[in-house]
Amino acid sequence: MKQQISILDRTAAVIPAFNAASLIERVIQDTSQLLPAERIIVVDDGSSDNTYDIASAAGTTVVKHPKNLGKGSALCSGLNKAYELGADYAFTIDADYQHDPKEIPHFIDHLENTDADIIIGNRMSDIKDMPRIRILTNRFTSWVVSLKAGQKIPDSQSGYRLIKTSLFKKLRIVTSRYETESEILIKAAKLGARIDAVPIKTIYAEEVSSINPFIDTIRFFRLVIKSLFW
């Protein structure tokens, strides 16, 4: 338990948020059961609702984009802020409650046992509530990313992660949308990072996903082509 507390004392949480007012307060409340509010970093990615006001009122560290730049840009802004705050590790947690903050200890336990550089929350052992199109795309993209990374990554599209901030600072991220999550894994692996996974629950709320299956698939393939020259 002492080791867990020590790691959490050096850990932040990054929550990229776009028009997330309906659920962001619940995500913050549950995350604050394990991390202090000032180390919960909400990146308001150009929201038109009161996401910023809710996050500010909760005492979190809020980074505000003047316009919507994409999830990848929001993640990068948040991870850079976590590094600036002196955090050695940072969780990335979605604002729509598809990630349960109560599962944070599972990541910490795995980190204690492995000292991995990135730990991904793996939903693929619990797919009964996952839409079929998500199952197929997750399996395919995870297979491709695993090939590029040279190590098994069972759920490359999961945004629930724990990452060493010093590793992230070494990555030169060039994308700004959902493909950024794959870019981080591929570039980290090329630097020799160890990428592990822990099982997590698959949660789908009533929120409408902002993923565009056609456009974001094209972006993913563009990323794969670019990675041939890294």
C-alpha atoms as a PDB file:
ATOM      1  CA  MET A   1       0.000   0.000   0.000  1.00  0.00           C
ATOM      2  CA  LYS A   2       2.859   2.396   0.756  1.00  0.00           C
ATOM      3  CA  GLN A   3       4.212   1.858  -2.747  1.00  0.00           C
ATOM      4  CA  GLN A   4       0.788   2.604  -4.264  1.00  0.00           C
ATOM      5  CA  ILE A   5       0.548   5.870  -2.374  1.00  0.00           C
ATOM      6  CA  SER A   6       4.074   6.805  -3.448  1.00  0.00           C
ATOM      7  CA  ILE A   7       3.264   6.233  -7.110  1.00  0.00           C
ATOM      8  CA  LEU A   8      -0.037   8.094  -6.891  1.00  0.00           C
ATOM      9  CA  ASP A   9       1.750  11.022  -5.298  1.00  0.00           C
ATOM     10  CA  ARG A  10       3.725  11.323  -8.545  1.00  0.00           C
ATOM     11  CA  THR A  11       0.785  10.766 -10.865  1.00  0.00           C
ATOM     12  CA  ALA A  12      -1.647  13.072 -12.671  1.00  0.00           C
ATOM     13  CA  ALA A  13      -4.777  12.415 -14.715  1.00  0.00           C
ATOM     14  CA  VAL A  14      -5.468  13.969 -18.103  1.00  0.00           C
ATOM     15  CA  ILE A  15      -9.092  14.242 -19.230  1.00  0.00           C
ATOM     16  CA  PRO A  16      -9.565  15.533 -22.797  1.00  0.00           C
ATOM     17  CA  ALA A  17     -13.049  17.044 -22.984  1.00  0.00           C
ATOM     18  CA  PHE A  18     -15.228  18.411 -25.760  1.00  0.00           C
ATOM     19  CA  ASN A  19     -18.800  19.390 -24.881  1.00  0.00           C
ATOM     20  CA  ALA A  20     -18.636  16.969 -21.960  1.00  0.00           C
ATOM     21  CA  ALA A  21     -20.772  18.884 -19.449  1.00  0.00           C
ATOM     22  CA  SER A  22     -23.229  16.021 -18.923  1.00  0.00           C
ATOM     23  CA  LEU A  23     -20.668  13.586 -17.474  1.00  0.00           C
ATOM     24  CA  ILE A  24     -17.420  15.454 -16.741  1.00  0.00           C
ATOM     25  CA  GLU A  25     -18.397  16.239 -13.140  1.00  0.00           C
ATOM     26  CA  ARG A  26     -18.905  12.547 -12.375  1.00  0.00           C
ATOM     27  CA  VAL A  27     -15.550  11.648 -13.959  1.00  0.00           C
ATOM     28  CA  ILE A  28     -13.803  14.336 -11.906  1.00  0.00           C
ATOM     29  CA  GLN A  29     -15.517  13.294  -8.680  1.00  0.00           C
ATOM     30  CA  ASP A  30     -14.524   9.650  -9.038  1.00  0.00           C
ATOM     31  CA  THR A  31     -10.975  10.492 -10.120  1.00  0.00           C
ATOM     32  CA  SER A  32     -10.568  12.837  -7.147  1.00  0.00           C
ATOM     33  CA  GLN A  33     -11.120   9.889  -4.816  1.00  0.00           C
ATOM     34  CA  LEU A  34      -7.587   8.820  -5.779  1.00  0.00           C
ATOM     35  CA  LEU A  35      -5.856  11.984  -7.013  1.00  0.00           C
ATOM     36  CA  PRO A  36      -5.987  15.585  -5.741  1.00  0.00           C
ATOM     37  CA  ALA A  37      -7.995  17.977  -7.897  1.00  0.00           C
ATOM     38  CA  GLU A  38      -4.978  20.071  -8.856  1.00  0.00           C
ATOM     39  CA  ARG A  39      -3.389  17.009 -10.484  1.00  0.00           C
ATOM     40  CA  ILE A  40      -6.545  16.275 -12.465  1.00  0.00           C
ATOM     41  CA  ILE A  41      -5.977  18.090 -15.758  1.00  0.00           C
ATOM     42  CA  VAL A  42      -9.068  18.774 -17.835  1.00  0.00           C
ATOM     43  CA  VAL A  43      -8.343  19.921 -21.375  1.00  0.00           C
ATOM     44  CA  ASP A  44     -11.377  21.806 -22.669  1.00  0.00           C
ATOM     45  CA  ASP A  45     -10.958  21.334 -26.400  1.00  0.00           C
ATOM     46  CA  GLY A  46     -13.035  24.264 -27.607  1.00  0.00           C
ATOM     47  CA  SER A  47     -16.316  23.246 -25.963  1.00  0.00           C
ATOM     48  CA  SER A  48     -19.442  25.319 -26.568  1.00  0.00           C
ATOM     49  CA  ASP A  49     -21.151  24.109 -23.378  1.00  0.00           C
ATOM     50  CA  ASN A  50     -20.107  24.726 -19.751  1.00  0.00           C
ATOM     51  CA  THR A  51     -17.444  22.023 -19.564  1.00  0.00           C
ATOM     52  CA  TYR A  52     -14.856  24.668 -18.607  1.00  0.00           C
ATOM     53  CA  ASP A  53     -16.999  26.099 -15.792  1.00  0.00           C
ATOM     54  CA  ILE A  54     -17.688  22.673 -14.287  1.00  0.00           C
ATOM     55  CA  ALA A  55     -14.017  21.656 -14.368  1.00  0.00           C
ATOM     56  CA  SER A  56     -12.897  24.984 -12.906  1.00  0.00           C
ATOM     57  CA  ALA A  57     -15.488  24.859 -10.115  1.00  0.00           C
ATOM     58  CA  ALA A  58     -14.216  21.395  -9.162  1.00  0.00           C
ATOM     59  CA  GLY A  59     -10.727  22.825  -8.584  1.00  0.00           C
ATOM     60  CA  THR A  60      -9.035  20.918 -11.385  1.00  0.00           C
ATOM     61  CA  THR A  61      -6.207  22.268 -13.488  1.00  0.00           C
ATOM     62  CA  VAL A  62      -7.930  23.368 -16.678  1.00  0.00           C
ATOM     63  CA  VAL A  63      -6.234  23.867 -20.041  1.00  0.00           C
ATOM     64  CA  LYS A  64      -8.513  25.585 -22.542  1.00  0.00           C
ATOM     65  CA  HIS A  65      -8.189  25.425 -26.309  1.00  0.00           C
ATOM     66  CA  PRO A  66      -9.821  28.450 -28.016  1.00  0.00           C
ATOM     67  CA  LYS A  67     -11.248  26.121 -30.666  1.00  0.00           C
ATOM     68  CA  ASN A  68     -11.645  22.396 -31.200  1.00  0.00           C
ATOM     69  CA  LEU A  69      -8.254  20.965 -32.178  1.00  0.00           C
ATOM     70  CA  GLY A  70      -8.973  17.247 -31.811  1.00  0.00           C
ATOM     71  CA  LYS A  71      -8.522  14.601 -29.155  1.00  0.00           C
ATOM     72  CA  GLY A  72      -4.861  14.095 -30.031  1.00  0.00           C
ATOM     73  CA  SER A  73      -4.084  17.767 -29.485  1.00  0.00           C
ATOM     74  CA  ALA A  74      -6.010  17.707 -26.213  1.00  0.00           C
ATOM     75  CA  LEU A  75      -4.038  14.675 -25.024  1.00  0.00           C
ATOM     76  CA  CYS A  76      -0.740  16.333 -25.895  1.00  0.00           C
ATOM     77  CA  SER A  77      -1.698  19.554 -24.113  1.00  0.00           C
ATOM     78  CA  GLY A  78      -2.702  17.598 -21.028  1.00  0.00           C
ATOM     79  CA  LEU A  79       0.372  15.370 -20.954  1.00  0.00           C
ATOM     80  CA  ASN A  80       2.648  18.367 -21.388  1.00  0.00           C
ATOM     81  CA  LYS A  81       0.872  20.069 -18.479  1.00  0.00           C
ATOM     82  CA  ALA A  82       1.276  16.927 -16.352  1.00  0.00           C
ATOM     83  CA  TYR A  83       5.018  17.018 -17.034  1.00  0.00           C
ATOM     84  CA  GLU A  84       5.136  20.717 -16.130  1.00  0.00           C
ATOM     85  CA  LEU A  85       3.390  19.940 -12.840  1.00  0.00           C
ATOM     86  CA  GLY A  86       6.146  17.448 -12.017  1.00  0.00           C
ATOM     87  CA  ALA A  87       4.135  14.254 -12.460  1.00  0.00           C
ATOM     88  CA  ASP A  88       6.207  11.196 -13.358  1.00  0.00           C
ATOM     89  CA  TYR A  89       3.136   9.356 -14.646  1.00  0.00           C
ATOM     90  CA  ALA A  90      -0.173  10.411 -16.123  1.00  0.00           C
ATOM     91  CA  PHE A  91      -3.435   8.620 -16.691  1.00  0.00           C
ATOM     92  CA  THR A  92      -5.482   9.483 -19.750  1.00  0.00           C
ATOM     93  CA  ILE A  93      -9.197   9.144 -19.058  1.00  0.00           C
ATOM     94  CA  ASP A  94     -12.093   9.938 -21.390  1.00  0.00           C
ATOM     95  CA  ALA A  95     -14.640  12.529 -20.272  1.00  0.00           C
ATOM     96  CA  ASP A  96     -17.710  10.487 -21.266  1.00  0.00           C
ATOM     97  CA  TYR A  97     -17.314   7.906 -18.497  1.00  0.00           C
ATOM     98  CA  GLN A  98     -16.342   5.087 -20.814  1.00  0.00           C
ATOM     99  CA  HIS A  99     -13.416   4.704 -18.408  1.00  0.00           C
ATOM    100  CA  ASP A 100     -14.085   4.017 -14.738  1.00  0.00           C
ATOM    101  CA  PRO A 101     -11.605   5.930 -12.538  1.00  0.00           C
ATOM    102  CA  LYS A 102     -12.136   3.307  -9.844  1.00  0.00           C
ATOM    103  CA  GLU A 103      -9.953   0.988 -11.937  1.00  0.00           C
ATOM    104  CA  ILE A 104      -6.888   3.212 -11.456  1.00  0.00           C
ATOM    105  CA  PRO A 105      -5.470   0.890  -8.734  1.00  0.00           C
ATOM    106  CA  HIS A 106      -5.317  -1.973 -11.272  1.00  0.00           C
ATOM    107  CA  PHE A 107      -2.907   0.070 -13.377  1.00  0.00           C
ATOM    108  CA  ILE A 108      -0.849   0.996 -10.318  1.00  0.00           C
ATOM    109  CA  ASP A 109      -0.590  -2.651  -9.231  1.00  0.00           C
ATOM    110  CA  HIS A 110       0.623  -3.626 -12.691  1.00  0.00           C
ATOM    111  CA  LEU A 111       3.131  -0.787 -12.739  1.00  0.00           C
ATOM    112  CA  GLU A 112       4.555  -1.968  -9.421  1.00  0.00           C
ATOM    113  CA  ASN A 113       5.085  -5.455 -10.820  1.00  0.00           C
ATOM    114  CA  THR A 114       6.425  -4.567 -14.251  1.00  0.00           C
ATOM    115  CA  ASP A 115       7.714  -0.961 -14.355  1.00  0.00           C
ATOM    116  CA  ALA A 116       6.137  -0.698 -17.802  1.00  0.00           C
ATOM    117  CA  ASP A 117       6.419   2.580 -19.682  1.00  0.00           C
ATOM    118  CA  ILE A 118       2.813   2.523 -20.928  1.00  0.00           C
ATOM    119  CA  ILE A 119      -0.070   0.473 -19.558  1.00  0.00           C
ATOM    120  CA  ILE A 120      -3.226   0.269 -21.657  1.00  0.00           C
ATOM    121  CA  GLY A 121      -6.675  -0.589 -20.376  1.00  0.00           C
ATOM    122  CA  ASN A 122      -7.703  -3.640 -22.408  1.00  0.00           C
ATOM    123  CA  ARG A 123     -11.444  -3.917 -23.136  1.00  0.00           C
ATOM    124  CA  MET A 124     -11.179  -6.875 -25.498  1.00  0.00           C
ATOM    125  CA  SER A 125     -11.776  -9.516 -22.843  1.00  0.00           C
ATOM    126  CA  ASP A 126     -15.175  -7.944 -22.123  1.00  0.00           C
ATOM    127  CA  ILE A 127     -16.810  -7.280 -25.486  1.00  0.00           C
ATOM    128  CA  LYS A 128     -20.415  -8.322 -24.844  1.00  0.00           C
ATOM    129  CA  ASP A 129     -21.548  -4.667 -24.741  1.00  0.00           C
ATOM    130  CA  MET A 130     -19.173  -3.422 -27.439  1.00  0.00           C
ATOM    131  CA  PRO A 131     -20.733  -2.584 -30.841  1.00  0.00           C
ATOM    132  CA  ARG A 132     -19.700  -5.086 -33.496  1.00  0.00           C
ATOM    133  CA  ILE A 133     -18.085  -2.428 -35.679  1.00  0.00           C
ATOM    134  CA  ARG A 134     -15.903  -1.422 -32.724  1.00  0.00           C
ATOM    135  CA  ILE A 135     -14.861  -5.031 -32.139  1.00  0.00           C
ATOM    136  CA  LEU A 136     -13.808  -5.450 -35.765  1.00  0.00           C
ATOM    137  CA  THR A 137     -11.988  -2.119 -36.047  1.00  0.00           C
ATOM    138  CA  ASN A 138     -10.271  -2.549 -32.670  1.00  0.00           C
ATOM    139  CA  ARG A 139      -8.997  -5.997 -33.579  1.00  0.00           C
ATOM    140  CA  PHE A 140      -7.740  -4.836 -36.965  1.00  0.00           C
ATOM    141  CA  THR A 141      -6.056  -1.636 -35.794  1.00  0.00           C
ATOM    142  CA  SER A 142      -4.558  -3.421 -32.786  1.00  0.00           C
ATOM    143  CA  TRP A 143      -3.075  -6.033 -35.122  1.00  0.00           C
ATOM    144  CA  VAL A 144      -1.552  -3.316 -37.314  1.00  0.00           C
ATOM    145  CA  VAL A 145      -0.209  -1.295 -34.365  1.00  0.00           C
ATOM    146  CA  SER A 146       1.209  -4.460 -32.792  1.00  0.00           C
ATOM    147  CA  LEU A 147       3.118  -5.185 -36.007  1.00  0.00           C
ATOM    148  CA  LYS A 148       4.470  -1.641 -36.129  1.00  0.00           C
ATOM    149  CA  ALA A 149       5.361  -1.640 -32.438  1.00  0.00           C
ATOM    150  CA  GLY A 150       6.946  -5.095 -32.448  1.00  0.00           C
ATOM    151  CA  GLN A 151       4.997  -6.166 -29.378  1.00  0.00           C
ATOM    152  CA  LYS A 152       1.516  -7.426 -28.576  1.00  0.00           C
ATOM    153  CA  ILE A 153      -0.987  -4.604 -28.018  1.00  0.00           C
ATOM    154  CA  PRO A 154      -4.454  -6.100 -27.527  1.00  0.00           C
ATOM    155  CA  ASP A 155      -6.468  -2.856 -27.551  1.00  0.00           C
ATOM    156  CA  SER A 156      -4.585  -0.078 -29.286  1.00  0.00           C
ATOM    157  CA  GLN A 157      -7.690   2.124 -29.502  1.00  0.00           C
ATOM    158  CA  SER A 158      -8.304   2.223 -25.769  1.00  0.00           C
ATOM    159  CA  GLY A 159      -7.832   5.740 -24.461  1.00  0.00           C
ATOM    160  CA  TYR A 160      -7.562   4.595 -20.825  1.00  0.00           C
ATOM    161  CA  ARG A 161      -3.811   4.545 -20.254  1.00  0.00           C
ATOM    162  CA  LEU A 162      -1.000   5.182 -17.832  1.00  0.00           C
ATOM    163  CA  ILE A 163       2.146   6.661 -19.371  1.00  0.00           C
ATOM    164  CA  LYS A 164       5.497   7.888 -18.146  1.00  0.00           C
ATOM    165  CA  THR A 165       5.559  11.613 -18.802  1.00  0.00           C
ATOM    166  CA  SER A 166       9.311  11.601 -19.451  1.00  0.00           C
ATOM    167  CA  LEU A 167       8.714   9.109 -22.263  1.00  0.00           C
ATOM    168  CA  PHE A 168       5.967  11.245 -23.764  1.00  0.00           C
ATOM    169  CA  LYS A 169       8.258  14.284 -23.827  1.00  0.00           C
ATOM    170  CA  LYS A 170      10.645  12.353 -26.096  1.00  0.00           C
ATOM    171  CA  LEU A 171       7.937  11.752 -28.694  1.00  0.00           C
ATOM    172  CA  ARG A 172       7.456  14.194 -31.546  1.00  0.00           C
ATOM    173  CA  ILE A 173       3.732  13.896 -32.146  1.00  0.00           C
ATOM    174  CA  VAL A 174       2.566  15.151 -35.545  1.00  0.00           C
ATOM    175  CA  THR A 175      -1.118  14.132 -35.542  1.00  0.00           C
ATOM    176  CA  SER A 176      -4.016  15.811 -33.738  1.00  0.00           C
ATOM    177  CA  ARG A 177      -7.063  13.536 -33.867  1.00  0.00           C
ATOM    178  CA  TYR A 178      -7.869   9.987 -32.762  1.00  0.00           C
ATOM    179  CA  GLU A 179      -4.884   8.544 -34.623  1.00  0.00           C
ATOM    180  CA  THR A 180      -2.619  10.249 -32.079  1.00  0.00           C
ATOM    181  CA  GLU A 181      -3.226   7.390 -29.650  1.00  0.00           C
ATOM    182  CA  SER A 182      -1.747   4.953 -32.183  1.00  0.00           C
ATOM    183  CA  GLU A 183       1.110   7.321 -33.009  1.00  0.00           C
ATOM    184  CA  ILE A 184       2.101   7.479 -29.344  1.00  0.00           C
ATOM    185  CA  LEU A 185       2.282   3.681 -29.118  1.00  0.00           C
ATOM    186  CA  ILE A 186       4.267   3.210 -32.320  1.00  0.00           C
ATOM    187  CA  LYS A 187       6.781   5.960 -31.579  1.00  0.00           C
ATOM    188  CA  ALA A 188       7.172   4.889 -27.952  1.00  0.00           C
ATOM    189  CA  ALA A 189       7.870   1.309 -29.038  1.00  0.00           C
ATOM    190  CA  LYS A 190      10.509   2.528 -31.486  1.00  0.00           C
ATOM    191  CA  LEU A 191      12.269   4.138 -28.519  1.00  0.00           C
ATOM    192  CA  GLY A 192      12.290   0.770 -26.750  1.00  0.00           C
ATOM    193  CA  ALA A 193       9.341   1.410 -24.434  1.00  0.00           C
ATOM    194  CA  ARG A 194       7.625  -1.517 -22.792  1.00  0.00           C
ATOM    195  CA  ILE A 195       3.870  -1.456 -23.445  1.00  0.00           C
ATOM    196  CA  ASP A 196       1.648  -3.652 -21.262  1.00  0.00           C
ATOM    197  CA  ALA A 197      -2.093  -3.985 -20.716  1.00  0.00           C
ATOM    198  CA  VAL A 198      -4.533  -4.606 -17.886  1.00  0.00           C
ATOM    199  CA  PRO A 199      -8.152  -5.758 -18.329  1.00  0.00           C
ATOM    200  CA  ILE A 200     -10.815  -3.100 -17.779  1.00  0.00           C
ATOM    201  CA  LYS A 201     -14.584  -2.971 -18.049  1.00  0.00           C
ATOM    202  CA  THR A 202     -16.199  -2.057 -21.341  1.00  0.00           C
ATOM    203  CA  ILE A 203     -18.563   0.845 -20.698  1.00  0.00           C
ATOM    204  CA  TYR A 204     -20.788   2.527 -23.241  1.00  0.00           C
ATOM    205  CA  ALA A 205     -22.923   5.411 -22.003  1.00  0.00           C
ATOM    206  CA  GLU A 206     -25.620   7.213 -23.971  1.00  0.00           C
ATOM    207  CA  GLU A 207     -23.143   9.739 -25.334  1.00  0.00           C
ATOM    208  CA  VAL A 208     -22.822   9.848 -29.121  1.00  0.00           C
ATOM    209  CA  SER A 209     -19.277   9.074 -30.234  1.00  0.00           C
ATOM    210  CA  SER A 210     -17.470  11.812 -32.147  1.00  0.00           C
ATOM    211  CA  ILE A 211     -15.475   9.186 -34.045  1.00  0.00           C
ATOM    212  CA  ASN A 212     -16.161   9.234 -37.781  1.00  0.00           C
ATOM    213  CA  PRO A 213     -15.544   5.628 -38.916  1.00  0.00           C
ATOM    214  CA  PHE A 214     -14.693   6.634 -42.496  1.00  0.00           C
ATOM    215  CA  ILE A 215     -12.571   9.735 -41.912  1.00  0.00           C
ATOM    216  CA  ASP A 216     -10.780   8.380 -38.859  1.00  0.00           C
ATOM    217  CA  THR A 217      -9.985   5.120 -40.671  1.00  0.00           C
ATOM    218  CA  ILE A 218      -8.388   7.147 -43.466  1.00  0.00           C
ATOM    219  CA  ARG A 219      -6.394   9.088 -40.874  1.00  0.00           C
ATOM    220  CA  PHE A 220      -5.229   5.807 -39.334  1.00  0.00           C
ATOM    221  CA  PHE A 221      -3.957   4.492 -42.665  1.00  0.00           C
ATOM    222  CA  ARG A 222      -2.208   7.788 -43.348  1.00  0.00           C
ATOM    223  CA  LEU A 223      -0.476   7.354 -40.002  1.00  0.00           C
ATOM    224  CA  VAL A 224       0.616   3.820 -40.891  1.00  0.00           C
ATOM    225  CA  ILE A 225       2.078   5.067 -44.190  1.00  0.00           C
ATOM    226  CA  LYS A 226       3.899   7.901 -42.408  1.00  0.00           C
ATOM    227  CA  SER A 227       5.306   5.433 -39.879  1.00  0.00           C
ATOM    228  CA  LEU A 228       7.206   3.696 -42.677  1.00  0.00           C
ATOM    229  CA  PHE A 229       9.585   6.660 -42.667  1.00  0.00           C
ATOM    230  CA  TRP A 230      10.084   7.024 -38.909  1.00  0.00           C
END
